[in-house]
Amino acid sequence: MNADSYKNGRLPGEFAPLARAYIPVQEAVTPAYESSEALSRGTLFPGLDLPFMNIVNDELDQTPLTELMAIDFVTDELELYLDTHADDSEAFALYQTFLALKKEAHERYAERCGVISQTDMLGMDSYSWLKDPWPWDFQNRGGN
């Protein structure tokens, strides 16, 4: 074996295999965290809640933006779960519910606080992406 053999994707016999990855399949479970807690915990499923160094994030302040973020997070978590558990009809029904909630929350946020995605500007009279207030300035606008 010469010095350039690594460029061809081969390893010397004594070094292969370097490792074997094992990823256990997530068991079918009912999600137990509420959406805001799931966002701060980093998972919708308590069985996957393994905080790094036992440090748990504090829950985020409830604002229209964190509500939207939490619903988006739960939708994404359910989608990832369904990638490996496509036959779980209960999880799929919950996913459908959260897709509807996500659409409603997005529309409610855009109506109340302004655009949050490019498609919110469809049909607008002028470009308003950079106009104040920004989502994180919500508290400065006097209301919830």
N, C-alpha and C. Protein backbone atom coordinates (compact mmCIF):
# COMPACT_ATOMS: atom_id res chain seq x y z
N MET A 1 0.85 -1.16 0.00
CA MET A 1 0.00 0.00 0.00
C MET A 1 0.90 1.23 0.00
N ASN A 2 0.62 2.16 -0.92
CA ASN A 2 1.46 3.35 -0.99
C ASN A 2 0.80 4.52 -0.25
N ALA A 3 1.49 5.65 -0.21
CA ALA A 3 1.02 6.82 0.55
C ALA A 3 -0.25 7.42 -0.04
N ASP A 4 -0.52 7.18 -1.34
CA ASP A 4 -1.71 7.77 -1.96
C ASP A 4 -2.93 6.84 -1.96
N SER A 5 -2.86 5.70 -1.33
CA SER A 5 -3.97 4.75 -1.40
C SER A 5 -5.21 5.26 -0.68
N TYR A 6 -5.08 6.21 0.25
CA TYR A 6 -6.26 6.75 0.92
C TYR A 6 -7.15 7.50 -0.07
N LYS A 7 -6.57 7.99 -1.17
CA LYS A 7 -7.33 8.73 -2.18
C LYS A 7 -8.27 7.81 -2.96
N ASN A 8 -8.01 6.53 -2.93
CA ASN A 8 -8.82 5.56 -3.66
C ASN A 8 -9.87 4.91 -2.77
N GLY A 9 -9.99 5.34 -1.51
CA GLY A 9 -11.01 4.82 -0.63
C GLY A 9 -10.72 3.45 -0.04
N ARG A 10 -9.47 3.05 0.01
CA ARG A 10 -9.12 1.75 0.57
C ARG A 10 -8.29 1.93 1.83
N LEU A 11 -8.48 1.03 2.77
CA LEU A 11 -7.68 1.02 3.99
C LEU A 11 -6.92 -0.29 4.06
N PRO A 12 -5.78 -0.27 4.71
CA PRO A 12 -5.06 -1.53 4.89
C PRO A 12 -5.92 -2.52 5.68
N GLY A 13 -5.79 -3.77 5.39
CA GLY A 13 -6.61 -4.80 6.02
C GLY A 13 -6.60 -4.77 7.53
N GLU A 14 -5.46 -4.41 8.14
CA GLU A 14 -5.40 -4.45 9.60
C GLU A 14 -6.19 -3.30 10.25
N PHE A 15 -6.61 -2.28 9.47
CA PHE A 15 -7.34 -1.15 10.03
C PHE A 15 -8.84 -1.19 9.73
N ALA A 16 -9.25 -2.10 8.90
CA ALA A 16 -10.67 -2.11 8.52
C ALA A 16 -11.36 -3.28 9.18
N PRO A 17 -12.53 -3.26 9.62
CA PRO A 17 -13.34 -2.05 9.70
C PRO A 17 -12.95 -1.20 10.92
N LEU A 18 -13.02 0.11 10.77
CA LEU A 18 -12.66 1.00 11.86
C LEU A 18 -13.71 1.00 12.96
N ALA A 19 -14.97 0.99 12.56
CA ALA A 19 -16.04 1.04 13.55
C ALA A 19 -17.32 0.49 12.94
N ARG A 20 -18.22 0.13 13.79
CA ARG A 20 -19.55 -0.28 13.34
C ARG A 20 -20.56 0.58 14.08
N ALA A 21 -21.33 1.27 13.30
CA ALA A 21 -22.35 2.12 13.91
C ALA A 21 -23.59 1.30 14.22
N TYR A 22 -24.17 1.59 15.36
CA TYR A 22 -25.43 0.96 15.72
C TYR A 22 -26.35 2.06 16.22
N ILE A 23 -27.47 2.18 15.57
CA ILE A 23 -28.46 3.17 15.97
C ILE A 23 -29.75 2.43 16.25
N PRO A 24 -30.16 2.39 17.51
CA PRO A 24 -31.39 1.67 17.82
C PRO A 24 -32.60 2.38 17.22
N VAL A 25 -33.56 1.63 16.78
CA VAL A 25 -34.79 2.19 16.21
C VAL A 25 -35.66 2.69 17.35
N GLN A 26 -36.18 3.89 17.19
CA GLN A 26 -37.07 4.46 18.20
C GLN A 26 -38.33 3.62 18.30
N GLU A 27 -38.70 3.29 19.52
CA GLU A 27 -39.91 2.52 19.73
C GLU A 27 -41.12 3.41 19.48
N ALA A 28 -42.21 2.81 19.06
CA ALA A 28 -43.44 3.56 18.86
C ALA A 28 -43.95 4.03 20.21
N VAL A 29 -44.08 5.32 20.35
CA VAL A 29 -44.54 5.90 21.61
C VAL A 29 -45.47 7.07 21.32
N THR A 30 -46.28 7.39 22.30
CA THR A 30 -47.13 8.56 22.18
C THR A 30 -46.33 9.76 22.69
N PRO A 31 -46.26 10.83 21.90
CA PRO A 31 -45.55 12.01 22.39
C PRO A 31 -46.18 12.51 23.69
N ALA A 32 -45.35 12.94 24.64
CA ALA A 32 -45.89 13.34 25.94
C ALA A 32 -45.65 14.80 26.26
N TYR A 33 -44.68 15.45 25.63
CA TYR A 33 -44.40 16.84 25.94
C TYR A 33 -45.35 17.75 25.17
N GLU A 34 -45.77 18.82 25.81
CA GLU A 34 -46.52 19.87 25.11
C GLU A 34 -45.56 20.57 24.17
N SER A 35 -46.08 21.28 23.17
CA SER A 35 -45.22 21.85 22.13
C SER A 35 -44.18 22.82 22.68
N SER A 36 -44.55 23.69 23.63
CA SER A 36 -43.57 24.65 24.16
C SER A 36 -42.49 23.94 24.97
N GLU A 37 -42.86 22.90 25.72
CA GLU A 37 -41.86 22.16 26.48
C GLU A 37 -40.97 21.34 25.53
N ALA A 38 -41.56 20.80 24.48
CA ALA A 38 -40.77 20.04 23.50
C ALA A 38 -39.70 20.92 22.87
N LEU A 39 -40.06 22.16 22.56
CA LEU A 39 -39.09 23.09 21.96
C LEU A 39 -37.92 23.32 22.90
N SER A 40 -38.19 23.55 24.17
CA SER A 40 -37.10 23.82 25.10
C SER A 40 -36.32 22.55 25.46
N ARG A 41 -36.98 21.37 25.45
CA ARG A 41 -36.29 20.12 25.77
C ARG A 41 -35.50 19.58 24.58
N GLY A 42 -35.89 19.98 23.37
CA GLY A 42 -35.19 19.52 22.18
C GLY A 42 -35.74 18.23 21.61
N THR A 43 -36.86 17.76 22.14
CA THR A 43 -37.50 16.55 21.63
C THR A 43 -38.96 16.53 22.07
N LEU A 44 -39.77 15.88 21.27
CA LEU A 44 -41.18 15.70 21.61
C LEU A 44 -41.38 14.45 22.45
N PHE A 45 -40.41 13.55 22.39
CA PHE A 45 -40.54 12.23 23.00
C PHE A 45 -39.68 12.11 24.26
N PRO A 46 -40.29 11.90 25.42
CA PRO A 46 -39.51 11.77 26.66
C PRO A 46 -38.45 10.67 26.60
N GLY A 47 -38.70 9.61 25.86
CA GLY A 47 -37.72 8.53 25.75
C GLY A 47 -36.45 8.94 25.04
N LEU A 48 -36.51 10.02 24.28
CA LEU A 48 -35.32 10.52 23.59
C LEU A 48 -34.71 11.71 24.30
N ASP A 49 -35.25 12.08 25.44
CA ASP A 49 -34.80 13.26 26.17
C ASP A 49 -33.58 12.91 27.00
N LEU A 50 -32.42 13.13 26.42
CA LEU A 50 -31.16 12.83 27.07
C LEU A 50 -30.33 14.11 27.12
N PRO A 51 -30.60 14.98 28.10
CA PRO A 51 -29.91 16.28 28.14
C PRO A 51 -28.41 16.13 28.27
N PHE A 52 -27.69 16.94 27.53
CA PHE A 52 -26.23 16.95 27.57
C PHE A 52 -25.79 17.39 28.97
N MET A 53 -25.02 16.57 29.63
CA MET A 53 -24.50 16.84 30.98
C MET A 53 -25.62 17.17 31.97
N ASN A 54 -26.79 16.58 31.77
CA ASN A 54 -27.96 16.79 32.64
C ASN A 54 -28.38 18.25 32.76
N ILE A 55 -28.08 19.05 31.75
CA ILE A 55 -28.49 20.45 31.73
C ILE A 55 -29.76 20.55 30.91
N VAL A 56 -30.81 21.06 31.51
CA VAL A 56 -32.09 21.21 30.84
C VAL A 56 -32.33 22.68 30.58
N ASN A 57 -32.73 23.00 29.35
CA ASN A 57 -33.03 24.39 29.01
C ASN A 57 -34.25 24.88 29.77
N ASP A 58 -34.25 26.16 30.11
CA ASP A 58 -35.44 26.77 30.67
C ASP A 58 -36.46 26.93 29.56
N GLU A 59 -37.75 26.91 29.94
CA GLU A 59 -38.77 27.15 28.93
C GLU A 59 -38.68 28.59 28.45
N LEU A 60 -38.99 28.78 27.19
CA LEU A 60 -38.92 30.10 26.59
C LEU A 60 -40.14 30.93 26.98
N ASP A 61 -39.96 32.25 27.02
CA ASP A 61 -41.09 33.14 27.27
C ASP A 61 -42.13 32.93 26.18
N GLN A 62 -43.40 33.00 26.55
CA GLN A 62 -44.48 32.80 25.59
C GLN A 62 -44.74 34.09 24.82
N THR A 63 -44.40 34.07 23.56
CA THR A 63 -44.69 35.16 22.64
C THR A 63 -45.29 34.53 21.39
N PRO A 64 -45.87 35.34 20.52
CA PRO A 64 -46.38 34.75 19.27
C PRO A 64 -45.29 34.02 18.48
N LEU A 65 -44.05 34.52 18.51
CA LEU A 65 -42.97 33.87 17.78
C LEU A 65 -42.62 32.52 18.40
N THR A 66 -42.54 32.43 19.74
CA THR A 66 -42.21 31.15 20.35
C THR A 66 -43.34 30.14 20.16
N GLU A 67 -44.58 30.62 20.11
CA GLU A 67 -45.70 29.72 19.82
C GLU A 67 -45.53 29.12 18.43
N LEU A 68 -45.20 29.95 17.46
CA LEU A 68 -44.99 29.47 16.09
C LEU A 68 -43.79 28.52 16.02
N MET A 69 -42.71 28.86 16.71
CA MET A 69 -41.53 28.00 16.73
C MET A 69 -41.84 26.64 17.34
N ALA A 70 -42.61 26.63 18.43
CA ALA A 70 -42.93 25.38 19.10
C ALA A 70 -43.78 24.47 18.21
N ILE A 71 -44.76 25.06 17.54
CA ILE A 71 -45.61 24.27 16.65
C ILE A 71 -44.80 23.75 15.46
N ASP A 72 -43.92 24.57 14.91
CA ASP A 72 -43.04 24.12 13.83
C ASP A 72 -42.16 22.97 14.30
N PHE A 73 -41.62 23.09 15.51
CA PHE A 73 -40.74 22.06 16.06
C PHE A 73 -41.47 20.73 16.21
N VAL A 74 -42.67 20.76 16.77
CA VAL A 74 -43.44 19.53 16.96
C VAL A 74 -43.77 18.90 15.61
N THR A 75 -44.13 19.73 14.64
CA THR A 75 -44.43 19.22 13.30
C THR A 75 -43.20 18.51 12.72
N ASP A 76 -42.04 19.12 12.86
CA ASP A 76 -40.81 18.51 12.36
C ASP A 76 -40.48 17.21 13.10
N GLU A 77 -40.67 17.20 14.42
CA GLU A 77 -40.41 15.99 15.20
C GLU A 77 -41.32 14.85 14.78
N LEU A 78 -42.60 15.16 14.58
CA LEU A 78 -43.54 14.12 14.16
C LEU A 78 -43.19 13.61 12.76
N GLU A 79 -42.74 14.50 11.90
CA GLU A 79 -42.35 14.10 10.55
C GLU A 79 -41.16 13.15 10.60
N LEU A 80 -40.17 13.46 11.43
CA LEU A 80 -39.01 12.58 11.57
C LEU A 80 -39.43 11.23 12.14
N TYR A 81 -40.33 11.23 13.12
CA TYR A 81 -40.83 9.99 13.69
C TYR A 81 -41.54 9.16 12.62
N LEU A 82 -42.37 9.81 11.82
CA LEU A 82 -43.13 9.10 10.79
C LEU A 82 -42.25 8.55 9.68
N ASP A 83 -41.05 9.12 9.51
CA ASP A 83 -40.10 8.58 8.54
C ASP A 83 -39.76 7.12 8.86
N THR A 84 -39.75 6.78 10.14
CA THR A 84 -39.41 5.41 10.54
C THR A 84 -40.61 4.63 11.06
N HIS A 85 -41.76 5.30 11.23
CA HIS A 85 -42.96 4.64 11.74
C HIS A 85 -44.17 5.06 10.89
N ALA A 86 -44.06 4.85 9.60
CA ALA A 86 -45.09 5.32 8.66
C ALA A 86 -46.46 4.68 8.91
N ASP A 87 -46.50 3.55 9.55
CA ASP A 87 -47.78 2.87 9.79
C ASP A 87 -48.46 3.29 11.09
N ASP A 88 -47.88 4.20 11.83
CA ASP A 88 -48.45 4.65 13.10
C ASP A 88 -49.56 5.66 12.80
N SER A 89 -50.79 5.16 12.74
CA SER A 89 -51.93 6.02 12.35
C SER A 89 -52.23 7.09 13.40
N GLU A 90 -51.98 6.80 14.65
CA GLU A 90 -52.20 7.79 15.71
C GLU A 90 -51.24 8.96 15.56
N ALA A 91 -49.97 8.66 15.28
CA ALA A 91 -48.97 9.71 15.08
C ALA A 91 -49.29 10.51 13.81
N PHE A 92 -49.77 9.83 12.78
CA PHE A 92 -50.12 10.53 11.55
C PHE A 92 -51.30 11.47 11.76
N ALA A 93 -52.29 11.04 12.55
CA ALA A 93 -53.43 11.91 12.86
C ALA A 93 -52.96 13.13 13.66
N LEU A 94 -52.05 12.92 14.60
CA LEU A 94 -51.49 14.04 15.36
C LEU A 94 -50.70 14.97 14.44
N TYR A 95 -49.97 14.40 13.50
CA TYR A 95 -49.22 15.18 12.51
C TYR A 95 -50.17 16.07 11.69
N GLN A 96 -51.28 15.50 11.26
CA GLN A 96 -52.27 16.27 10.51
C GLN A 96 -52.82 17.42 11.35
N THR A 97 -53.08 17.16 12.62
CA THR A 97 -53.56 18.20 13.53
C THR A 97 -52.54 19.33 13.64
N PHE A 98 -51.28 18.97 13.80
CA PHE A 98 -50.25 20.00 13.94
C PHE A 98 -49.98 20.74 12.64
N LEU A 99 -50.16 20.09 11.50
CA LEU A 99 -50.04 20.80 10.23
C LEU A 99 -51.11 21.90 10.14
N ALA A 100 -52.33 21.60 10.57
CA ALA A 100 -53.40 22.60 10.57
C ALA A 100 -53.09 23.71 11.57
N LEU A 101 -52.60 23.33 12.76
CA LEU A 101 -52.22 24.33 13.76
C LEU A 101 -51.10 25.23 13.25
N LYS A 102 -50.15 24.61 12.55
CA LYS A 102 -49.02 25.36 12.01
C LYS A 102 -49.50 26.40 11.00
N LYS A 103 -50.40 26.01 10.14
CA LYS A 103 -50.94 26.94 9.15
C LYS A 103 -51.68 28.09 9.84
N GLU A 104 -52.53 27.75 10.81
CA GLU A 104 -53.28 28.78 11.54
C GLU A 104 -52.35 29.72 12.30
N ALA A 105 -51.36 29.16 12.99
CA ALA A 105 -50.43 29.97 13.78
C ALA A 105 -49.61 30.89 12.88
N HIS A 106 -49.20 30.38 11.74
CA HIS A 106 -48.43 31.19 10.80
C HIS A 106 -49.27 32.36 10.29
N GLU A 107 -50.49 32.07 9.90
CA GLU A 107 -51.38 33.13 9.41
C GLU A 107 -51.67 34.15 10.50
N ARG A 108 -51.91 33.67 11.71
CA ARG A 108 -52.20 34.56 12.84
C ARG A 108 -50.98 35.45 13.14
N TYR A 109 -49.79 34.85 13.11
CA TYR A 109 -48.57 35.61 13.37
C TYR A 109 -48.36 36.67 12.30
N ALA A 110 -48.48 36.28 11.03
CA ALA A 110 -48.26 37.22 9.93
C ALA A 110 -49.25 38.37 9.97
N GLU A 111 -50.49 38.06 10.32
CA GLU A 111 -51.52 39.10 10.40
C GLU A 111 -51.23 40.07 11.55
N ARG A 112 -50.77 39.53 12.64
CA ARG A 112 -50.57 40.33 13.84
C ARG A 112 -49.23 41.04 13.89
N CYS A 113 -48.17 40.36 13.47
CA CYS A 113 -46.82 40.87 13.65
C CYS A 113 -46.08 41.20 12.36
N GLY A 114 -46.62 40.80 11.24
CA GLY A 114 -45.94 41.06 9.97
C GLY A 114 -45.40 39.80 9.34
N VAL A 115 -44.76 39.97 8.21
CA VAL A 115 -44.27 38.83 7.44
C VAL A 115 -43.21 38.06 8.21
N ILE A 116 -43.24 36.76 8.03
CA ILE A 116 -42.22 35.90 8.64
C ILE A 116 -41.58 34.99 7.60
N SER A 117 -42.21 34.87 6.44
CA SER A 117 -41.61 34.11 5.35
C SER A 117 -41.87 34.87 4.05
N GLN A 118 -41.13 34.52 3.04
CA GLN A 118 -41.26 35.21 1.76
C GLN A 118 -42.67 35.10 1.20
N THR A 119 -43.31 33.96 1.39
CA THR A 119 -44.64 33.78 0.81
C THR A 119 -45.69 34.66 1.47
N ASP A 120 -45.40 35.21 2.65
CA ASP A 120 -46.34 36.13 3.29
C ASP A 120 -46.47 37.44 2.50
N MET A 121 -45.51 37.71 1.65
CA MET A 121 -45.55 38.95 0.86
C MET A 121 -46.30 38.79 -0.45
N LEU A 122 -46.76 37.60 -0.75
CA LEU A 122 -47.51 37.36 -1.98
C LEU A 122 -48.77 38.24 -1.99
N GLY A 123 -48.91 39.05 -3.00
CA GLY A 123 -50.07 39.92 -3.14
C GLY A 123 -49.96 41.25 -2.40
N MET A 124 -48.83 41.53 -1.75
CA MET A 124 -48.67 42.80 -1.04
C MET A 124 -48.42 43.93 -2.04
N ASP A 125 -48.71 45.16 -1.61
CA ASP A 125 -48.54 46.33 -2.46
C ASP A 125 -47.10 46.79 -2.56
N SER A 126 -46.29 46.52 -1.54
CA SER A 126 -44.89 46.95 -1.56
C SER A 126 -44.04 45.96 -0.77
N TYR A 127 -42.74 46.07 -0.95
CA TYR A 127 -41.80 45.19 -0.26
C TYR A 127 -41.73 45.61 1.20
N SER A 128 -42.02 44.68 2.10
CA SER A 128 -42.07 45.04 3.51
C SER A 128 -41.21 44.15 4.40
N TRP A 129 -40.30 43.41 3.80
CA TRP A 129 -39.50 42.46 4.57
C TRP A 129 -38.67 43.14 5.65
N LEU A 130 -38.08 44.27 5.35
CA LEU A 130 -37.16 44.91 6.29
C LEU A 130 -37.82 45.99 7.16
N LYS A 131 -39.11 46.15 7.08
CA LYS A 131 -39.77 47.17 7.87
C LYS A 131 -39.92 46.71 9.31
N ASP A 132 -39.74 47.66 10.24
CA ASP A 132 -39.92 47.35 11.67
C ASP A 132 -41.38 47.09 11.95
N PRO A 133 -41.71 46.46 13.02
CA PRO A 133 -40.84 45.85 14.02
C PRO A 133 -40.42 44.44 13.61
N TRP A 134 -39.29 44.03 14.11
CA TRP A 134 -38.79 42.68 13.88
C TRP A 134 -39.45 41.73 14.87
N PRO A 135 -39.48 40.44 14.60
CA PRO A 135 -40.16 39.50 15.51
C PRO A 135 -39.68 39.59 16.95
N TRP A 136 -38.38 39.80 17.18
CA TRP A 136 -37.86 39.86 18.55
C TRP A 136 -38.16 41.19 19.22
N ASP A 137 -38.72 42.16 18.47
CA ASP A 137 -39.13 43.43 19.06
C ASP A 137 -40.58 43.41 19.50
N PHE A 138 -41.18 42.24 19.59
CA PHE A 138 -42.60 42.13 19.87
C PHE A 138 -42.97 42.84 21.18
N GLN A 139 -42.17 42.68 22.22
CA GLN A 139 -42.47 43.28 23.52
C GLN A 139 -42.52 44.80 23.42
N ASN A 140 -41.80 45.38 22.48
CA ASN A 140 -41.77 46.84 22.33
C ASN A 140 -43.02 47.39 21.65
N ARG A 141 -43.88 46.51 21.16
CA ARG A 141 -45.06 46.98 20.44
C ARG A 141 -46.28 47.09 21.35
N GLY A 142 -46.11 46.78 22.60
CA GLY A 142 -47.18 46.95 23.56
C GLY A 142 -48.33 45.98 23.42
N GLY A 143 -48.09 44.75 23.58
CA GLY A 143 -49.19 43.79 23.54
C GLY A 143 -48.74 42.38 23.34
N ASN A 144 -49.66 41.46 23.58
CA ASN A 144 -49.37 40.05 23.33
C ASN A 144 -50.20 39.54 22.23
